[in-house]
Each structure stands twice: as structure tokens, then as C-alpha cells.
């Protein structure tokens, strides 16, 4: 074995395993299997035009060389991004810990109580600091959160406003530039008219349904918006505020003014800048809008025994259930980052946050007094951390700053702004003071020993309300205590570091340590997204190379890395298609055809993009019904905008008619959007361009090894054909995108740049041959599982020659005659030490299994053994007797060690059903959660147990 070949470390199957696996499947070799799986007319005729893979050692050396090309300045640009200090205990035990970063979205509450508690802490922190009743468990970034707030306020307009066609939305000119761009993007397809202006001159007319304010403003001014909100409420105008979360430690929370939503980013709570992300946004609102708030909400409920339990509440709002009528897209979250920000609050507590905020404010006051003493005008009458200074000669101050490795924000030719932060030291302030002394020619030395005891926050805006009083924020302030608390939560969760997670359509593969290590390096973490390009040459090389790699893999002409989730990638792709049609004078094209089997995010994204969804049928084999598709295309030919298709299909099949389908769309003036969720079955064997698509998004957190992190970070870049290249998204601060670029899709120019290092490394280390072998192994593993389960579980759909793609759907509906539902099987798998496959998607009553290429044959066999053992347990069950191992699963340690045991099966069968389980037993911390109780008694913040047990 060549120990330097990364593919051998990433791919779990060895040459030793192949004879047995191929015999089980019934093929002579892997090539035969691939030929029987993928239609011949779409296979690539030559290898990927990518270099050979490099070793992990070579890759880390390469990344270190690139890191040196990044210039890490002291950056005071602000504009929603600030250097922060990640406590080492959080960096080591969460960011660098696969127990946290390899976990999946917590749909199965019984094996996710640790993550759910960490997210409940996050929600509580946000609710307390904003003064709002309800908060979600994170969104993608501040700008997209603000756009979501606008959309929500538009949705909850009064009946009279809807009837009267009220569509105007006021935006304060104090708003961040990237947020303004996002609002423009989202407003156009919804028909919202944006009106930008001075909040003090706003006329509060009946033509407006909502308003958005920035607190503090983009250049630091702190305004009192109480009277604005009061006047707006009198006119039924709903108000959202984009707020800086650290400032809320010292400023009056917007909730006290009666606003309807508060949004922002938690980046400055211990999250690296990372050249733009990933960063967890927050969204807080009134409980009255609990059905309309976007993103996931963690709620408190009870389990079968009546014990307190946590779960994702109100899921009926979400796109995987409601599709085009959804009010929430659960795929737009940053869980790992929200966990880190929440733990930052737990570690520092309210008193620690006050210390940090006061230090930042005092440094700002000190610098303000100094520059005014030097004869410069500081323009902000009230501020928290940001000064706006009239310097006159911006060119000169910029030269002086950059020669001292300092970045300011250059507002115009006469004005700069300086945003101080947690990492700003007394020495940093003195360095700034010295620079301004030299700039102004001031002769008298002025240095500080300590920050001045001053405040530029008016008494009417000083926070009076206490916050974060719950015990969790006042208990774990030593490293020992926090380390143990984090470990306690980690033990409650099942992640990839313990066993295979076979979630269909989610691709839970290895996130290699060598890919992850650079995320902790300062040269990558401490780069502000709006620094001059020449300070981020290392990043630029990685990002441009990654774009080129993805172009080769997809067969397309150009890539935008800006979308920072798969769902956002869908939206971006459709907005690019929309812009393309408009450029051709065909803006009327608004029909989006979507197969009935599509991901729930597809119709939701189409509606967001202003398109009308027309659903096409699937046939009895699960494929797109060609007759129905042709009929719908003919019916809507004049207005056809796009077809959204997942390939291979969500049913795990390479449909042989795909080129016929894409030609039909093109012949009738439409564009083809390919959902890249199943790209793990394509890389190196076929590609979106070959099948005839025009644009696809790629889930880098699936196919390209970015970890799921409990439901985020994600990256969803779009790759496009030549005709769509001019419309790739822009950024208002740093130039990106095509010649006729649409406005921004996310806040940062290249989205979540930091985690793009992972996918860059994945491709770089696997190389052309390794990428292709990985795809072949994914298909091999799926077919091995299918054939090992043959005769015991029916596979619902297969290709024309009986093969699965990289995933398959097993039918659990026949077991209802034994009284067993698919959920019972999912819960029983926990007792065997496994996370369940995808439940009831895309077909109710089924399990969708995807093993990925990273799993060994031994792990595949353990998983199959578990399912086969469960199949025997199903045969033993009857509809008349519900006291069985499946209905009672999962079994907790409390159940097994109880003095009483009244069940007709043994404790050993409950807890240790197969010999391997005893070697590495995972104990769920709760029994099954009561979903209905949690929704009826919605509790989404940390409260004493007694309160919700009485609910």
C-alpha cells in the first residue's frame, strides 16, 4: 500500500474487499457495474482534465505556502465584520472536533440532544440580547437574514394591505451595502418596491408595509429609533432592525421599542472572519410570527416517559414538507457556527460580555477624543465601536495605514470610518493615535495607559434590562468546566466519528483531518472579506483554482462560489436564468417545471425567484413521465423558463431519457437547472454539461467533503454554461460576477470562503483518478447494500438493468401489516448504533440509503447486519401487540437499569441485539419525543424545567 496516496485513506473499500463485493452484486468487475448503471450516451469519453492527486503532507505544505501570500493586517473596516477571539477551549473542542463537525441536521432528536441544547442556548442568548420573544437557531449571514425579514414582513401584511397592493418597503440609508444588494435581489421577484432614504425624513404613508433600520448605522452612528417605531406601528408599518449583537450588551434592545424582527450576525462572538464566512446569522421576532419565521427553531417537549426533551419545532413550516408554500427553508442555517457563538456566550457569561463590550467602547471613546484633540472632526454624535472621521486627505491616510499594516474603511474622498473590536488592544489604540499625530502634525505626545472612563451612548439608549440570567450562562466560566460541559453534550449525539450515517441525498462522507486543519490557521481565519484583493492573494489563488476545478468536473464555463448553502445555490441559479431570459427580451418566461419527486427546496426556490411552479408526473418506475412532461412543455412553451431536475434522480436512478428531456426543454426556449444533490454519483463518470443542463448548484458540504456540522456550514456554488456566465452574482464592495451580473446572493463576495479550503484540498489530494474512483466506490457500496438486503427489503426503484446509483430507496410500507412503521425501524437502528437513513423522502414509508465511498466493507456489513436483524424483529411483531423492541425503541440506559422490567423481551435484546454493539455502545439520552406536545406548548428558550413540565 502506497501510504502517500490520499485516495487510499479517503475510500474505505480495499482491493481485498472487491472479490466478495463483486460476487454479491453479480458482476465481474467495477467497470461492468458502472456500465450497467450509467447510460452509455452520457458517459465521459476521457478522464477529468485535472492534475494527479498529491499527498496530505504535500497539500499541507502547499496550503502553508499559499497562506504566506495572505497579508494579515489589523483591520478596522467593520461593515458587519469584526476580528474576534475564539476561546481555545471552543476551537479545540468544537471547531476541531469531529464529534461536532461531522454530525447531521438534528431531525432525529433522540440522537441529537447535545446539539439541540447548544442551539437552545444560542436561541436564548439571541432572544435575551435583542429583547424579542422568539429566535431561530441561525441563518446564513446578516444580509440574507435581513432579506428574510423583509420577505416575512411582506408575507404577514394585513388583509387590507394585501388587497390594496401595498408593496413599498423603506430601507434606511444607514444599512450595510451588502445588505442593500441582497434586498434588491430578493425584492425583484416578489414585486417589492424598495425606497431608500433618511429615517428621520420618512413620511409613514399608507403605501408602505415595512421598514428596515440599521443599529448602529453602517458607519457607527447610534440612533434612537423609538419614535420611528411608534409612528410606524400607528400606520401598520412593521419594522425590522439589523443590529450588532455585541452592541446590544450596552444598547437598548430593539425589542423594547416594539419592533417586529431583529436580525444580525453572531460572527463577533468568537467566529473567525474567514474572508467572509461561514458565520451564523440570527433572526428574532415576536411569537405571533412563529409560523412565518425562517429557519429551524429548537423547542422543548417531553419524551415517552414524560422527561424533558428537545426537538426541532414547527417543522410543518418548512420546505421539505410544504414545498412551494413553505414559510421556512431549513437548509439555510449555520449550526456549527451557532454552537460556537452560543458557547462563547456560555463561556463569558453576561459579565464577561459586558467587560468585552465596555472595553471596545472605551477604546473607541479614547480614540475619538484623541483625533478630535488633533483637530480632526469625529462625525458620530453617538457610537458604540465605530468612528466616522473627516480626514480631508484620504489618499495620504490610506498610504500611512497600509504601510503600517492597517486597514480602515474609506467612506469617500474625505472621510474614513474605524471600527474597533474585541481583539483591539491598548497598544493597537496607541498605534492608531500615533498615526493620527503624524498625519495631523500634532506635536505633543499622547498615549494611553488605560482606556478613558467615558461613554458616547446617550442615557436614553443605555441598556437597563438584564440578560442571560439562566444558569447555563453563569456556570461554565473556567476552561475545565466548559470543556466538561461541551463533552457532556457531545456524548448525547451520534456523529460520523462513531458510525456510518447512511442518509440518502445527504452524502455523509469523510471530512479528512488534513482538509480541516487549515481552518484554524490565522492566515486564513483573520482576513476581512472587504480587504483589498492584493492582501488576499493566497485566498484568491485557492478560490480561482476551486472555480476552475469545478468547471472541469461539471463541464461548464464558469462558477460562482458566492451562494453559501445548497438552497441558496438553487435560488442563485434560477435568478441567473431569469436574468438570461430578460436579456433576450423574454422576461415573460416564468414557468418552472419540477418533477413530483424533486427535493422540497426546488419548488420553494422557484417561488422565491418569482417563477410559477408546474409539477410534472413520475411514472410507476419513479422516472420522469415523458408523456406528461411533453404535454406540460407544449402547454407552457411560450412562457417556459426552466426545468429543475435532479440527476441521478432522487429515486437513485440514472434515467436514460435525460438527454431527450433536456433537448425538449431547449427546443421550447427553456433552460435546464440540474440540482447537484446527487453529484457524488457523477464526478469523473458523467457531468451536468454532458446531460444537457445549463446550470447546476453543487453541495460542497456533500460531494466535496465540507462537513455538515449539525446542519451547516454549507456551500452551494453554481456552475453555468457559457450563455449564463455574464449573469453570475456581484458584490457591492468587492467586484465579482459577470459582465451583466445580478445583485448579490449572499453578503460576502465569495460566500463562505474559509470552508472552501476543504473542497479545494479534497479535489487537490484525490486528483483526477481519485475523484473517479471515489464515485465508483459510492456506486459499488450502494449496490452492495442493495444486494445484501435482497429478499428481505424491497428496493423501490432501480435503473433499467437493475442497478442503483449511489443511493436507493427501500420500501417499509409492507411492514404495516405487522404494526410496524418506518419510524419504528429508524428508532430501532439507534439501538444498533446507527443514525437512520433518510426517512419518508422522497416516498412516504420508505428509507433512502446512501453509504458514500468513505465506508469500509466491515462498516457496510455491520449496517446490513443491523437491518437484517431488524427484519427478523419485524417478523416477530404483530399489529395486536405493541410492546415490542421496535415500538419501544430507542432503549435508554435508564430503561435498562430500572428496577422494573415488564417487557416480553430481554434487556439484552433491547440494548445489545448483535455482538458488535457491546464493543461501542451508543446510549440515547432520551426516549422518543412527543412531537405534538412540543408544538402545542412552544418553548424555545432556556427555562427552568418546572415551567415547561407544567405546560
Foldseek 3Di string as FASTA:
>chain_A
DPPQFVLPQFFFADPVNFVVLCVLLVDDHLVVQVPLFFPPLFWDPDFFPWDFFGGLVVLLVVLVVLLVLFQQFQEFAPLQDHAAAAPPLCCVLFLLDQLQQFAAAPQPQLFQQLLLVLLQLLFQQVCFLQVFDTKASFFFFQLVLVLLVLVLLVVPFDPVCVVVVQAEEEEEPLHRQLSVLQNVQLCVLVVHHYDYYHLVPDPLDLSAQEYEEEAPGSQFAGDDCLVSLVSNVVSNYAYEYEYDRLCSLWWARPVVSVHFKYKGWLCNLNHFQLLFDRTTIMMGGYPVCVLQRAEWFKFWFAFPVLHIGIHTFPCCQELQNVQQNHNYHHLRGASSNSSSSSLSLLQCFSVNSNVLQVQQQLLQVQLQVLLVVLVWDFPHLAGRRKTKIFAQAPVVLCVLQVVNSYHWHDPDRGITMGGGGSPQDLVNSQVVSVSSCVSSVPDDDDGDPGGDPDHSHDPVTTYDDDGRPDVSSVPQNDSVSSSVSSVVSSLQHFGVVQAFAFAQLFASGDLDSSLSVCLPPCSSRHDHNQDPPSSNSSLVVLVVVLQVSVCSQAVADTKAQAAFGLLLQLLLVLLLLCVLCVVVVNNQQAEEEEELQDRSSNSNSSVSNNHDYDYFYADQQRHTDVVRLLVVCVVCLSRHAEYEAEPVHSQQHHDPCLLVSLVSQVVSPYAYEYEASPCLLRGRTGHNVSSNHFKYWHWCCHNQNRRCSNSDRTTTMMGGHPSSQQADEAAPRDGDGHVNHRGHSDSGRSHRSSSSSSSSSSCNNCDRVSSVVQSSLLQSLQSSLVSLCPPLWDWSHYYPSRGGGSKTKTAQVVLVQLVDAPVLLQQQVVLLVYHFYDACHPHHRIGMTGRGSSHHVVSSVSSSVSVVLVSVQSVVGHSVDQLGLSNFGPDAPCQLPDPDDDGPDDSCCNRPVDPVCVVRPRGRPRTRTDNVRCNVQGDRHDDPPVVSSVD
